[in-house]
C-alpha atoms as a PDB file:
ATOM      1  CA  UNK A   1      12.577 -51.474  26.296  1.00  0.00           C
ATOM      2  CA  UNK A   2      13.503 -47.859  26.960  1.00  0.00           C
ATOM      3  CA  UNK A   3      11.653 -45.416  28.967  1.00  0.00           C
ATOM      4  CA  UNK A   4      11.745 -41.719  30.643  1.00  0.00           C
ATOM      5  CA  UNK A   5      11.714 -41.449  34.065  1.00  0.00           C
ATOM      6  CA  UNK A   6       8.247 -39.398  34.829  1.00  0.00           C
ATOM      7  CA  UNK A   7       8.207 -39.230  39.092  1.00  0.00           C
ATOM      8  CA  UNK A   8      10.023 -40.467  41.739  1.00  0.00           C
ATOM      9  CA  UNK A   9       8.080 -40.830  45.231  1.00  0.00           C
ATOM     10  CA  UNK A  10       8.477 -42.634  48.296  1.00  0.00           C
ATOM     11  CA  UNK A  11      11.209 -45.186  47.043  1.00  0.00           C
ATOM     12  CA  UNK A  12       9.578 -45.727  43.633  1.00  0.00           C
ATOM     13  CA  UNK A  13      10.505 -44.662  40.188  1.00  0.00           C
ATOM     14  CA  UNK A  14       7.796 -44.332  37.593  1.00  0.00           C
ATOM     15  CA  UNK A  15       8.688 -44.483  33.483  1.00  0.00           C
ATOM     16  CA  UNK A  16       6.493 -43.319  30.922  1.00  0.00           C
ATOM     17  CA  UNK A  17       7.241 -46.082  28.415  1.00  0.00           C
ATOM     18  CA  UNK A  18       8.448 -45.634  24.449  1.00  0.00           C
ATOM     19  CA  UNK A  19       4.645 -47.153  23.772  1.00  0.00           C
ATOM     20  CA  UNK A  20       3.003 -44.926  25.853  1.00  0.00           C
ATOM     21  CA  UNK A  21       2.120 -47.289  28.563  1.00  0.00           C
ATOM     22  CA  UNK A  22       3.873 -47.009  32.256  1.00  0.00           C
ATOM     23  CA  UNK A  23       6.019 -48.999  34.606  1.00  0.00           C
ATOM     24  CA  UNK A  24       7.036 -48.831  38.712  1.00  0.00           C
ATOM     25  CA  UNK A  25       9.648 -50.124  40.274  1.00  0.00           C
ATOM     26  CA  UNK A  26      11.811 -49.606  43.483  1.00  0.00           C
ATOM     27  CA  UNK A  27      15.480 -49.434  43.399  1.00  0.00           C
ATOM     28  CA  UNK A  28      17.251 -51.755  45.332  1.00  0.00           C
ATOM     29  CA  UNK A  29      20.456 -49.939  45.875  1.00  0.00           C
ATOM     30  CA  UNK A  30      21.663 -46.236  46.378  1.00  0.00           C
ATOM     31  CA  UNK A  31      21.306 -45.008  42.869  1.00  0.00           C
ATOM     32  CA  UNK A  32      21.385 -41.125  41.666  1.00  0.00           C
ATOM     33  CA  UNK A  33      18.648 -40.955  39.237  1.00  0.00           C
ATOM     34  CA  UNK A  34      16.378 -38.534  38.414  1.00  0.00           C
ATOM     35  CA  UNK A  35      13.615 -37.335  36.520  1.00  0.00           C
ATOM     36  CA  UNK A  36      14.163 -37.185  32.810  1.00  0.00           C
ATOM     37  CA  UNK A  37      16.698 -39.790  33.095  1.00  0.00           C
ATOM     38  CA  UNK A  38      16.598 -42.509  30.128  1.00  0.00           C
ATOM     39  CA  UNK A  39      16.359 -46.220  31.376  1.00  0.00           C
ATOM     40  CA  UNK A  40      16.202 -49.915  29.261  1.00  0.00           C
ATOM     41  CA  UNK A  41      15.954 -53.287  30.577  1.00  0.00           C
ATOM     42  CA  UNK A  42      12.820 -55.493  30.722  1.00  0.00           C
ATOM     43  CA  UNK A  43       9.870 -53.422  31.969  1.00  0.00           C
ATOM     44  CA  UNK A  44       6.938 -56.375  31.170  1.00  0.00           C
ATOM     45  CA  UNK A  45       8.463 -58.092  33.805  1.00  0.00           C
ATOM     46  CA  UNK A  46       7.446 -57.875  37.549  1.00  0.00           C
ATOM     47  CA  UNK A  47       9.668 -58.912  40.591  1.00  0.00           C
ATOM     48  CA  UNK A  48      13.436 -58.483  40.346  1.00  0.00           C
ATOM     49  CA  UNK A  49      15.368 -57.320  37.264  1.00  0.00           C
ATOM     50  CA  UNK A  50      18.546 -55.457  35.812  1.00  0.00           C
ATOM     51  CA  UNK A  51      17.753 -52.338  34.390  1.00  0.00           C
ATOM     52  CA  UNK A  52      20.379 -49.867  32.530  1.00  0.00           C
ATOM     53  CA  UNK A  53      20.415 -45.879  33.271  1.00  0.00           C
ATOM     54  CA  UNK A  54      21.273 -44.636  29.814  1.00  0.00           C
ATOM     55  CA  UNK A  55      21.534 -41.080  30.984  1.00  0.00           C
ATOM     56  CA  UNK A  56      24.308 -41.860  34.016  1.00  0.00           C
ATOM     57  CA  UNK A  57      26.029 -45.109  32.327  1.00  0.00           C
ATOM     58  CA  UNK A  58      25.344 -47.803  34.776  1.00  0.00           C
ATOM     59  CA  UNK A  59      23.412 -51.107  35.640  1.00  0.00           C
ATOM     60  CA  UNK A  60      20.547 -50.886  38.496  1.00  0.00           C
ATOM     61  CA  UNK A  61      19.382 -54.054  40.007  1.00  0.00           C
ATOM     62  CA  UNK A  62      15.672 -53.130  40.734  1.00  0.00           C
ATOM     63  CA  UNK A  63      12.130 -54.700  41.678  1.00  0.00           C
ATOM     64  CA  UNK A  64       9.760 -54.125  39.216  1.00  0.00           C
ATOM     65  CA  UNK A  65       6.129 -53.091  40.969  1.00  0.00           C
ATOM     66  CA  UNK A  66       3.793 -52.984  38.023  1.00  0.00           C
ATOM     67  CA  UNK A  67       2.981 -51.263  34.817  1.00  0.00           C
ATOM     68  CA  UNK A  68      -0.030 -50.339  32.517  1.00  0.00           C
END
């Protein structure tokens, strides 16, 4: 699934997904993430995952907090 970074606040990143839903995750590292970056991965899971920042071209270890 693909999402666009909508907001970054207090260490949590909010994505708007291609289907209109949203996902919140915490990056587990010092990644350079900015609003409007395009991110891909299994955003419907919970817990530890690997996402790919397609805008910047690198994989990220993240902890998925929730989705709607």
